[in-house]
């Protein structure tokens, strides 16, 4: 759950009252200053990156297929390669 500015201020004021300004400043410096990613945020990002990778792979595969299809010399080279190792 993200912590808003008001809550951070209240925590800081409480720390100052209990521990003094120097310690409160040190503790507040250790806390994340902005919003942190949640597990759900990371799962959404992972799904988006997977979809993007899949699109890029499909595009590269299509381009390679077209290049092989329309390049007789390259096509012969690939056939030769596969005949050696296939």
C-alpha atoms as a PDB file:
ATOM      1  CA  UNK A   1       0.000   0.000   0.000  1.00  0.00           C
ATOM      2  CA  UNK A   2       1.550   3.322  -1.034  1.00  0.00           C
ATOM      3  CA  UNK A   3       2.204   5.839   1.723  1.00  0.00           C
ATOM      4  CA  UNK A   4       1.014   9.363   0.997  1.00  0.00           C
ATOM      5  CA  UNK A   5       2.832  12.582   1.921  1.00  0.00           C
ATOM      6  CA  UNK A   6       0.575  13.231   4.914  1.00  0.00           C
ATOM      7  CA  UNK A   7       1.342   9.823   6.427  1.00  0.00           C
ATOM      8  CA  UNK A   8       5.078  10.295   5.887  1.00  0.00           C
ATOM      9  CA  UNK A   9       4.879  13.660   7.646  1.00  0.00           C
ATOM     10  CA  UNK A  10       3.012  12.125  10.605  1.00  0.00           C
ATOM     11  CA  UNK A  11       5.589   9.335  10.894  1.00  0.00           C
ATOM     12  CA  UNK A  12       8.400  11.882  10.784  1.00  0.00           C
ATOM     13  CA  UNK A  13       6.774  14.034  13.475  1.00  0.00           C
ATOM     14  CA  UNK A  14       6.301  10.988  15.686  1.00  0.00           C
ATOM     15  CA  UNK A  15       9.912   9.919  15.217  1.00  0.00           C
ATOM     16  CA  UNK A  16      11.126  13.432  16.046  1.00  0.00           C
ATOM     17  CA  UNK A  17       9.094  13.442  19.286  1.00  0.00           C
ATOM     18  CA  UNK A  18      10.359  10.014  20.342  1.00  0.00           C
ATOM     19  CA  UNK A  19      13.947   9.933  19.038  1.00  0.00           C
ATOM     20  CA  UNK A  20      14.894  13.499  18.182  1.00  0.00           C
ATOM     21  CA  UNK A  21      15.405  15.190  14.836  1.00  0.00           C
ATOM     22  CA  UNK A  22      18.758  13.621  13.929  1.00  0.00           C
ATOM     23  CA  UNK A  23      17.572  10.034  14.428  1.00  0.00           C
ATOM     24  CA  UNK A  24      14.221  10.782  12.755  1.00  0.00           C
ATOM     25  CA  UNK A  25      16.022  12.188   9.712  1.00  0.00           C
ATOM     26  CA  UNK A  26      18.197   9.080   9.540  1.00  0.00           C
ATOM     27  CA  UNK A  27      15.238   6.728   9.724  1.00  0.00           C
ATOM     28  CA  UNK A  28      13.239   8.706   7.160  1.00  0.00           C
ATOM     29  CA  UNK A  29      16.228   8.663   4.804  1.00  0.00           C
ATOM     30  CA  UNK A  30      16.119   4.843   4.856  1.00  0.00           C
ATOM     31  CA  UNK A  31      12.479   4.705   3.785  1.00  0.00           C
ATOM     32  CA  UNK A  32      11.633   4.655   0.080  1.00  0.00           C
ATOM     33  CA  UNK A  33      10.864   8.198  -1.037  1.00  0.00           C
ATOM     34  CA  UNK A  34       8.388   7.266  -3.748  1.00  0.00           C
ATOM     35  CA  UNK A  35       5.861   4.630  -4.519  1.00  0.00           C
ATOM     36  CA  UNK A  36       7.263   1.096  -4.608  1.00  0.00           C
ATOM     37  CA  UNK A  37       6.193  -1.560  -7.059  1.00  0.00           C
ATOM     38  CA  UNK A  38       3.915  -4.262  -5.715  1.00  0.00           C
ATOM     39  CA  UNK A  39       4.014  -7.936  -6.648  1.00  0.00           C
ATOM     40  CA  UNK A  40       0.964  -7.331  -8.832  1.00  0.00           C
ATOM     41  CA  UNK A  41       2.747  -4.428 -10.575  1.00  0.00           C
ATOM     42  CA  UNK A  42       5.674  -6.735 -11.349  1.00  0.00           C
ATOM     43  CA  UNK A  43       3.377  -9.489 -12.630  1.00  0.00           C
ATOM     44  CA  UNK A  44       1.663  -7.018 -14.987  1.00  0.00           C
ATOM     45  CA  UNK A  45       5.057  -5.785 -16.173  1.00  0.00           C
ATOM     46  CA  UNK A  46       6.239  -9.356 -16.732  1.00  0.00           C
ATOM     47  CA  UNK A  47       3.156 -10.114 -18.839  1.00  0.00           C
ATOM     48  CA  UNK A  48       3.627  -6.947 -20.909  1.00  0.00           C
ATOM     49  CA  UNK A  49       7.314  -7.684 -21.474  1.00  0.00           C
ATOM     50  CA  UNK A  50       6.475 -11.275 -22.468  1.00  0.00           C
ATOM     51  CA  UNK A  51       3.923 -10.057 -25.005  1.00  0.00           C
ATOM     52  CA  UNK A  52       6.411  -7.532 -26.372  1.00  0.00           C
ATOM     53  CA  UNK A  53       9.129 -10.171 -26.670  1.00  0.00           C
ATOM     54  CA  UNK A  54       6.726 -12.519 -28.424  1.00  0.00           C
ATOM     55  CA  UNK A  55       5.791  -9.797 -30.961  1.00  0.00           C
ATOM     56  CA  UNK A  56       9.462  -9.046 -31.634  1.00  0.00           C
ATOM     57  CA  UNK A  57      10.304 -12.734 -32.080  1.00  0.00           C
ATOM     58  CA  UNK A  58       7.381 -13.185 -34.459  1.00  0.00           C
ATOM     59  CA  UNK A  59       8.517 -10.140 -36.452  1.00  0.00           C
ATOM     60  CA  UNK A  60      12.112 -11.351 -36.674  1.00  0.00           C
ATOM     61  CA  UNK A  61      10.984 -14.835 -37.680  1.00  0.00           C
ATOM     62  CA  UNK A  62       8.785 -13.383 -40.419  1.00  0.00           C
ATOM     63  CA  UNK A  63      11.605 -11.190 -41.718  1.00  0.00           C
ATOM     64  CA  UNK A  64      14.011 -14.125 -41.743  1.00  0.00           C
ATOM     65  CA  UNK A  65      11.472 -16.287 -43.569  1.00  0.00           C
ATOM     66  CA  UNK A  66      10.907 -13.601 -46.194  1.00  0.00           C
ATOM     67  CA  UNK A  67      14.662 -13.122 -46.623  1.00  0.00           C
ATOM     68  CA  UNK A  68      15.156 -16.865 -47.118  1.00  0.00           C
ATOM     69  CA  UNK A  69      12.202 -17.118 -49.447  1.00  0.00           C
ATOM     70  CA  UNK A  70      13.346 -14.318 -51.742  1.00  0.00           C
ATOM     71  CA  UNK A  71      17.094 -14.832 -51.618  1.00  0.00           C
ATOM     72  CA  UNK A  72      18.144 -17.886 -53.642  1.00  0.00           C
ATOM     73  CA  UNK A  73      21.784 -17.642 -52.589  1.00  0.00           C
ATOM     74  CA  UNK A  74      20.892 -17.440 -48.919  1.00  0.00           C
ATOM     75  CA  UNK A  75      18.353 -20.196 -49.351  1.00  0.00           C
ATOM     76  CA  UNK A  76      21.015 -22.451 -50.873  1.00  0.00           C
ATOM     77  CA  UNK A  77      23.409 -21.654 -48.043  1.00  0.00           C
ATOM     78  CA  UNK A  78      20.808 -22.565 -45.415  1.00  0.00           C
ATOM     79  CA  UNK A  79      19.951 -25.786 -47.262  1.00  0.00           C
ATOM     80  CA  UNK A  80      23.657 -26.658 -47.378  1.00  0.00           C
ATOM     81  CA  UNK A  81      24.032 -25.936 -43.665  1.00  0.00           C
ATOM     82  CA  UNK A  82      21.087 -28.153 -42.778  1.00  0.00           C
ATOM     83  CA  UNK A  83      22.357 -30.914 -45.041  1.00  0.00           C
ATOM     84  CA  UNK A  84      25.653 -30.880 -43.127  1.00  0.00           C
ATOM     85  CA  UNK A  85      24.112 -30.954 -39.661  1.00  0.00           C
ATOM     86  CA  UNK A  86      20.614 -32.280 -40.305  1.00  0.00           C
END
